[in-house]
Amino acid sequence: MGAALWRGRTGPERVQFLEGVQSGAGGALSGLRDARGSLLISIGGAWIVGVPAGMVLARAMAAPVEGMWLGLVLGACLRTALYLPRLGRTMSRQMGSVVTPEYARPGSVLRSGRSSRE
């Protein structure tokens, strides 16, 4: 199924999809007060990997525009691959410190006398 998403797609379409995933993950990281992590991942993936890879591929390929897009797609893939595990680690670390209110715990008795499982 995953390969079917990429077949027949152009470079800009692939980058837009990955940027959408990164936007959500980056916003979640910022909301979890981890803005430094998303900044470093963005700079590293775009400027340290994506643009230089695009420049090398643009010179190496017969079609320089496609080479540049391929480099940008590689940078976007790297950023997405780094964002998602960081988001998972940050969420699991911070969710361990969340105190669940009594009324939200499974099996607790609500004020009306009913169980929360009903």
Protein backbone atom coordinates (compact mmCIF):
# COMPACT_ATOMS: atom_id res chain seq x y z
CA MET A 1 0.00 0.00 0.00
CA GLY A 2 2.80 2.44 0.85
CA ALA A 3 4.45 2.00 -2.55
CA ALA A 4 1.15 2.77 -4.25
CA LEU A 5 1.21 6.23 -2.69
CA TRP A 6 4.50 7.03 -4.44
CA ARG A 7 3.88 5.50 -7.88
CA GLY A 8 2.96 8.07 -10.46
CA ARG A 9 3.60 11.02 -8.14
CA THR A 10 5.80 13.93 -9.09
CA GLY A 11 8.54 15.41 -6.90
CA PRO A 12 6.41 18.34 -5.69
CA GLU A 13 3.53 16.03 -4.73
CA ARG A 14 5.85 13.82 -2.71
CA VAL A 15 7.41 16.78 -0.92
CA GLN A 16 3.97 18.23 -0.12
CA PHE A 17 2.81 14.97 1.45
CA LEU A 18 5.94 14.66 3.59
CA GLU A 19 5.81 18.36 4.54
CA GLY A 20 2.23 17.84 5.75
CA VAL A 21 3.34 15.02 8.05
CA GLN A 22 6.26 17.14 9.26
CA SER A 23 4.02 20.13 9.89
CA GLY A 24 1.76 18.11 12.18
CA ALA A 25 4.68 16.47 13.98
CA GLY A 26 6.54 19.77 14.32
CA GLY A 27 3.45 21.50 15.70
CA ALA A 28 2.95 18.69 18.19
CA LEU A 29 6.59 18.90 19.26
CA SER A 30 6.27 22.66 19.73
CA GLY A 31 3.14 22.11 21.80
CA LEU A 32 5.08 19.62 23.91
CA ARG A 33 7.75 22.32 24.44
CA ASP A 34 10.36 20.64 22.23
CA ALA A 35 10.88 23.41 19.67
CA ARG A 36 14.67 22.99 19.65
CA GLY A 37 14.37 19.42 18.41
CA SER A 38 12.11 20.34 15.52
CA LEU A 39 14.39 23.27 14.59
CA LEU A 40 17.49 21.07 14.48
CA ILE A 41 15.72 18.37 12.48
CA SER A 42 14.40 20.93 9.98
CA ILE A 43 17.77 22.62 9.47
CA GLY A 44 19.62 19.32 9.22
CA GLY A 45 17.19 17.66 6.84
CA ALA A 46 16.64 20.63 4.55
CA TRP A 47 19.92 22.54 4.43
CA ILE A 48 22.50 19.92 5.36
CA VAL A 49 21.03 16.97 3.42
CA GLY A 50 18.24 18.05 1.05
CA VAL A 51 19.71 21.03 -0.78
CA PRO A 52 23.26 19.62 -1.16
CA ALA A 53 21.88 16.25 -2.32
CA GLY A 54 19.67 18.08 -4.81
CA MET A 55 22.63 20.05 -6.15
CA VAL A 56 24.73 16.90 -6.57
CA LEU A 57 21.88 15.01 -8.22
CA ALA A 58 21.03 17.97 -10.46
CA ARG A 59 24.60 18.00 -11.78
CA ALA A 60 24.81 14.20 -12.08
CA MET A 61 21.48 13.63 -13.83
CA ALA A 62 20.62 14.60 -17.39
CA ALA A 63 17.52 16.39 -16.02
CA PRO A 64 18.68 18.95 -13.43
CA VAL A 65 15.17 19.96 -12.28
CA GLU A 66 14.26 16.37 -11.44
CA GLY A 67 17.60 15.94 -9.66
CA MET A 68 16.92 18.95 -7.46
CA TRP A 69 13.42 17.68 -6.63
CA LEU A 70 14.82 14.25 -5.82
CA GLY A 71 17.28 15.85 -3.38
CA LEU A 72 14.46 17.79 -1.74
CA VAL A 73 12.41 14.58 -1.47
CA LEU A 74 15.38 12.84 0.19
CA GLY A 75 15.68 15.68 2.70
CA ALA A 76 11.94 15.58 3.38
CA CYS A 77 12.08 11.80 3.90
CA LEU A 78 14.93 12.20 6.36
CA ARG A 79 13.11 14.93 8.30
CA THR A 80 9.93 12.85 8.49
CA ALA A 81 11.92 9.79 9.58
CA LEU A 82 13.49 11.86 12.38
CA TYR A 83 10.38 13.78 13.44
CA LEU A 84 8.12 10.81 14.12
CA PRO A 85 10.39 8.86 16.53
CA ARG A 86 11.25 12.10 18.37
CA LEU A 87 7.55 12.87 18.69
CA GLY A 88 6.90 9.37 20.03
CA ARG A 89 9.71 9.62 22.59
CA THR A 90 8.67 13.09 23.70
CA MET A 91 5.03 12.09 24.08
CA SER A 92 5.83 8.92 26.05
CA ARG A 93 8.22 10.84 28.31
CA GLN A 94 5.71 13.59 29.03
CA MET A 95 2.64 11.38 29.24
CA GLY A 96 4.21 9.44 32.08
CA SER A 97 4.02 12.58 34.20
CA VAL A 98 0.37 13.35 33.44
CA VAL A 99 -1.97 12.94 36.40
CA THR A 100 -5.28 11.42 35.37
CA PRO A 101 -8.27 12.95 37.14
CA GLU A 102 -10.27 10.56 39.33
CA TYR A 103 -13.39 10.81 37.15
CA ALA A 104 -11.44 9.77 34.03
CA ARG A 105 -9.96 6.58 35.46
CA PRO A 106 -11.55 3.35 34.22
CA GLY A 107 -13.91 1.82 36.75
CA SER A 108 -14.18 4.93 38.91
CA VAL A 109 -17.57 5.82 40.33
CA LEU A 110 -19.03 9.05 39.01
CA ARG A 111 -20.94 11.44 41.26
CA SER A 112 -24.20 10.13 39.89
CA GLY A 113 -23.36 6.71 41.35
CA ARG A 114 -22.81 5.09 37.95
CA SER A 115 -19.53 3.54 36.97
CA SER A 116 -17.56 5.21 34.20
CA ARG A 117 -17.66 1.93 32.26
CA GLU A 118 -21.44 2.04 31.85
